[in-house]
């Protein structure tokens, strides 16, 4: 679970956590925990200021302990907690951890987007959906074409992509750049299509991949890079 100001301890696994809590609570006749503040620093890192107090077993006095807990989350669960007696030290550590995790998550997200586009270009739609959430959505509502709309779930997305590419002999997405920002990756792209009659068409748009728990939750098409950038809260 981490370390306290007056003694380091590293506890791993549910069994270790349970033993630690039983031993800790056994020292008190009564025990109360109050959370003064919780901060979400992003990238699965939270900082909580906690006050624990209660009379020690067999004593009329009361002990109060105030500390900060830095928690790391993954898939909606806490996977690590580190306790600090010094709140400034905790905040510094939490901010650094959030930055490091954010960078790692961004790199992973960019790689997932890159793989999906490469698979789409090969015509391997199953591979293109490999890292998409089961309830993933392709948002094509910004399109000016008849295909404008929302496509939810793998089956609907696969049918949409098939219908979109079938009229063309070649359909290739060329990525111009990858711009990670929080849970999003903005990808300005150039679509190059060659019709079965030999006519070639080139279209510039921008895609935004939105992630949840390491999987693509949503693909949103925008008409251009500035529109996509603005949609995710960035400014050029």
Protein backbone atom coordinates (compact mmCIF):
# COMPACT_ATOMS: atom_id res chain seq x y z
CA UNK A 1 0.00 0.00 0.00
CA UNK A 2 2.93 2.40 0.32
CA UNK A 3 4.68 4.18 3.15
CA UNK A 4 3.69 6.30 6.14
CA UNK A 5 5.64 9.18 7.58
CA UNK A 6 6.85 7.23 10.60
CA UNK A 7 7.60 3.89 8.97
CA UNK A 8 7.87 2.39 5.53
CA UNK A 9 5.71 -0.54 4.58
CA UNK A 10 4.97 -2.18 1.26
CA UNK A 11 1.93 -4.43 1.21
CA UNK A 12 0.88 -6.36 -1.88
CA UNK A 13 -2.31 -8.21 -2.75
CA UNK A 14 -5.75 -8.37 -1.12
CA UNK A 15 -4.48 -10.69 1.61
CA UNK A 16 -1.73 -8.29 2.59
CA UNK A 17 -4.14 -5.38 2.59
CA UNK A 18 -6.57 -7.26 4.83
CA UNK A 19 -3.86 -8.18 7.33
CA UNK A 20 -2.63 -4.59 7.43
CA UNK A 21 -6.12 -3.20 8.04
CA UNK A 22 -6.96 -5.79 10.72
CA UNK A 23 -3.71 -5.07 12.52
CA UNK A 24 -4.22 -1.32 12.24
CA UNK A 25 -7.84 -1.36 13.44
CA UNK A 26 -6.96 -3.76 16.27
CA UNK A 27 -4.95 -1.00 17.93
CA UNK A 28 -8.10 1.09 18.47
CA UNK A 29 -11.31 0.71 20.47
CA UNK A 30 -13.03 3.01 17.97
CA UNK A 31 -11.83 4.23 14.65
CA UNK A 32 -13.01 7.04 12.37
CA UNK A 33 -11.76 8.11 8.95
CA UNK A 34 -12.66 11.46 7.35
CA UNK A 35 -11.65 12.50 3.84
CA UNK A 36 -10.90 16.23 3.77
CA UNK A 37 -10.18 16.54 0.06
CA UNK A 38 -9.93 14.45 -3.09
CA UNK A 39 -8.18 15.63 -6.25
CA UNK A 40 -8.33 13.85 -9.60
CA UNK A 41 -5.02 14.58 -11.30
CA UNK A 42 -5.91 12.64 -14.44
CA UNK A 43 -4.26 9.60 -16.01
CA UNK A 44 -5.68 7.37 -13.28
CA UNK A 45 -4.07 9.20 -10.35
CA UNK A 46 -5.95 10.67 -7.37
CA UNK A 47 -4.74 12.49 -4.26
CA UNK A 48 -6.77 12.35 -1.03
CA UNK A 49 -6.13 14.14 2.27
CA UNK A 50 -7.30 11.85 5.07
CA UNK A 51 -7.74 12.26 8.84
CA UNK A 52 -7.83 9.14 11.02
CA UNK A 53 -8.70 9.38 14.68
CA UNK A 54 -9.80 7.25 17.61
CA UNK A 55 -8.86 6.15 21.14
CA UNK A 56 -6.14 3.48 21.26
CA UNK A 57 -7.18 0.16 22.76
CA UNK A 58 -7.31 0.39 26.56
CA UNK A 59 -6.72 4.15 26.61
CA UNK A 60 -8.91 7.16 27.41
CA UNK A 61 -6.89 9.41 25.09
CA UNK A 62 -7.35 9.92 21.37
CA UNK A 63 -4.88 9.73 18.53
CA UNK A 64 -5.24 11.70 15.29
CA UNK A 65 -3.26 11.05 12.13
CA UNK A 66 -3.45 13.30 9.08
CA UNK A 67 -1.84 12.15 5.85
CA UNK A 68 -2.19 12.17 2.06
CA UNK A 69 -2.88 9.08 -0.03
CA UNK A 70 -1.90 8.84 -3.69
CA UNK A 71 -3.94 6.19 -5.50
CA UNK A 72 -3.35 4.68 -8.93
CA UNK A 73 -6.40 3.35 -10.78
CA UNK A 74 -6.77 0.89 -13.65
CA UNK A 75 -10.02 -0.40 -15.16
CA UNK A 76 -12.01 1.28 -12.40
CA UNK A 77 -10.04 -0.38 -9.58
CA UNK A 78 -7.31 0.88 -7.26
CA UNK A 79 -4.10 -1.00 -7.98
CA UNK A 80 -1.73 0.94 -5.74
CA UNK A 81 -1.90 3.36 -2.81
CA UNK A 82 1.05 5.29 -1.41
CA UNK A 83 0.61 7.22 1.85
CA UNK A 84 2.59 10.34 2.74
CA UNK A 85 2.82 12.23 6.00
CA UNK A 86 3.89 15.36 4.11
CA UNK A 87 1.11 16.68 1.86
CA UNK A 88 3.45 18.75 -0.29
CA UNK A 89 5.57 15.67 -0.94
CA UNK A 90 2.42 13.74 -1.81
CA UNK A 91 1.21 16.38 -4.25
CA UNK A 92 4.59 16.56 -5.97
CA UNK A 93 4.73 12.78 -6.27
CA UNK A 94 1.14 12.56 -7.53
CA UNK A 95 1.62 15.26 -10.16
CA UNK A 96 4.82 13.61 -11.39
CA UNK A 97 3.13 10.21 -11.52
CA UNK A 98 0.14 11.61 -13.40
CA UNK A 99 2.44 13.23 -15.93
CA UNK A 100 4.45 10.04 -16.44
CA UNK A 101 1.33 7.90 -16.76
CA UNK A 102 -0.28 10.43 -19.07
CA UNK A 103 2.68 10.29 -21.40
CA UNK A 104 2.71 6.50 -21.38
CA UNK A 105 -1.06 6.33 -21.98
CA UNK A 106 -0.78 8.84 -24.84
CA UNK A 107 1.93 6.80 -26.53
CA UNK A 108 -0.14 3.63 -26.12
CA UNK A 109 -3.26 5.34 -27.49
CA UNK A 110 -1.39 6.64 -30.54
CA UNK A 111 -0.08 3.14 -31.25
CA UNK A 112 -3.60 1.67 -30.99
CA UNK A 113 -4.92 4.27 -33.43
CA UNK A 114 -2.04 3.63 -35.81
CA UNK A 115 -2.67 -0.14 -35.76
CA UNK A 116 -6.40 0.31 -36.35
CA UNK A 117 -5.86 2.54 -39.39
CA UNK A 118 -3.24 0.19 -40.83
CA UNK A 119 -5.66 -2.73 -40.40
CA UNK A 120 -8.46 -0.75 -42.06
CA UNK A 121 -6.20 -0.04 -45.02
CA UNK A 122 -5.49 -3.78 -45.35
CA UNK A 123 -9.20 -4.47 -45.33
CA UNK A 124 -8.90 -6.37 -42.04
CA UNK A 125 -11.89 -4.90 -40.23
CA UNK A 126 -11.73 -7.39 -37.36
CA UNK A 127 -8.18 -6.27 -36.57
CA UNK A 128 -9.25 -2.63 -36.93
CA UNK A 129 -11.83 -3.25 -34.18
CA UNK A 130 -9.54 -5.34 -31.98
CA UNK A 131 -8.88 -2.52 -29.49
CA UNK A 132 -12.38 -1.02 -29.65
CA UNK A 133 -14.79 -1.30 -26.73
CA UNK A 134 -17.81 -3.61 -27.37
CA UNK A 135 -20.09 -0.57 -27.31
CA UNK A 136 -17.76 1.56 -29.43
CA UNK A 137 -19.36 4.18 -31.66
CA UNK A 138 -18.36 5.59 -35.03
CA UNK A 139 -19.76 9.10 -35.18
CA UNK A 140 -20.17 10.09 -38.82
CA UNK A 141 -22.79 12.76 -38.10
CA UNK A 142 -20.55 15.55 -39.44
CA UNK A 143 -20.50 13.97 -42.89
CA UNK A 144 -22.29 15.76 -45.72
CA UNK A 145 -23.08 12.44 -47.37
CA UNK A 146 -26.00 10.04 -47.08
CA UNK A 147 -23.97 7.93 -44.65
CA UNK A 148 -24.11 10.60 -41.92
CA UNK A 149 -25.11 9.08 -38.60
CA UNK A 150 -24.02 7.05 -35.59
CA UNK A 151 -22.90 3.42 -35.79
CA UNK A 152 -22.82 1.64 -32.44
CA UNK A 153 -21.21 -1.72 -31.72
CA UNK A 154 -18.79 -3.84 -33.73
CA UNK A 155 -21.38 -5.30 -36.10
CA UNK A 156 -22.82 -1.91 -37.05
CA UNK A 157 -19.36 -0.41 -37.49
CA UNK A 158 -18.19 -3.32 -39.62
CA UNK A 159 -21.25 -3.00 -41.90
CA UNK A 160 -20.74 0.75 -42.19
CA UNK A 161 -17.08 0.39 -43.11
CA UNK A 162 -17.91 -2.35 -45.61
CA UNK A 163 -20.61 -0.25 -47.28
CA UNK A 164 -18.28 2.75 -47.35
CA UNK A 165 -15.36 0.95 -49.02
CA UNK A 166 -17.20 -1.48 -51.31
CA UNK A 167 -17.75 0.97 -54.22
CA UNK A 168 -14.01 1.59 -54.49
CA UNK A 169 -11.23 -0.49 -55.94
CA UNK A 170 -8.84 1.12 -53.46
CA UNK A 171 -9.57 2.99 -50.25
CA UNK A 172 -6.61 4.17 -48.22
CA UNK A 173 -6.35 6.45 -45.19
CA UNK A 174 -3.07 8.36 -45.00
CA UNK A 175 -2.34 9.84 -41.57
CA UNK A 176 -0.82 13.32 -41.53
CA UNK A 177 -0.01 13.37 -37.79
CA UNK A 178 -1.12 12.10 -34.37
CA UNK A 179 -2.05 14.64 -31.68
CA UNK A 180 -2.72 13.05 -28.27
CA UNK A 181 -4.67 15.12 -25.77
CA UNK A 182 -6.01 13.56 -22.58
CA UNK A 183 -8.40 10.75 -23.50
CA UNK A 184 -8.37 11.74 -27.17
CA UNK A 185 -6.07 11.30 -30.17
CA UNK A 186 -6.65 13.73 -33.04
CA UNK A 187 -5.62 12.37 -36.44
CA UNK A 188 -5.78 14.64 -39.50
CA UNK A 189 -6.02 12.27 -42.46
CA UNK A 190 -6.15 12.19 -46.23
CA UNK A 191 -8.55 9.67 -47.72
CA UNK A 192 -7.48 8.40 -51.15
CA UNK A 193 -10.11 6.47 -53.06
CA UNK A 194 -9.94 4.94 -56.51
CA UNK A 195 -13.24 4.04 -58.11
CA UNK A 196 -13.76 0.86 -60.10
CA UNK A 197 -13.92 3.02 -63.23
CA UNK A 198 -10.46 4.41 -62.51
CA UNK A 199 -11.54 7.80 -61.13
CA UNK A 200 -9.41 8.88 -58.14
CA UNK A 201 -10.68 11.06 -55.31
CA UNK A 202 -8.75 12.63 -52.44
CA UNK A 203 -10.50 13.98 -49.32
CA UNK A 204 -8.97 15.63 -46.26
CA UNK A 205 -10.75 15.20 -42.92
CA UNK A 206 -9.79 14.65 -39.29
CA UNK A 207 -10.58 11.76 -36.98
CA UNK A 208 -10.75 11.84 -33.20
CA UNK A 209 -10.33 8.58 -31.30
CA UNK A 210 -11.66 8.76 -27.75
CA UNK A 211 -10.46 6.20 -25.23
CA UNK A 212 -11.89 4.59 -22.11
CA UNK A 213 -9.88 2.16 -19.98
CA UNK A 214 -7.31 1.70 -22.74
CA UNK A 215 -9.82 0.89 -25.50
CA UNK A 216 -11.31 3.00 -28.26
CA UNK A 217 -14.75 4.13 -27.16
CA UNK A 218 -15.54 6.44 -30.06
CA UNK A 219 -14.30 7.40 -33.51
CA UNK A 220 -15.56 10.83 -34.55
CA UNK A 221 -15.10 12.28 -38.00
CA UNK A 222 -14.67 16.05 -38.40
CA UNK A 223 -14.46 18.01 -41.63
CA UNK A 224 -10.99 19.39 -40.91
CA UNK A 225 -8.19 19.57 -38.35
CA UNK A 226 -9.22 22.92 -36.77
CA UNK A 227 -12.72 21.58 -36.08
CA UNK A 228 -11.33 18.41 -34.49
CA UNK A 229 -8.77 20.34 -32.46
CA UNK A 230 -11.46 22.63 -31.10
CA UNK A 231 -13.74 19.70 -30.27
CA UNK A 232 -11.20 18.20 -27.85
CA UNK A 233 -10.41 21.53 -26.20
CA UNK A 234 -7.13 22.31 -27.91
CA UNK A 235 -6.14 25.52 -29.71
CA UNK A 236 -3.74 25.67 -32.63
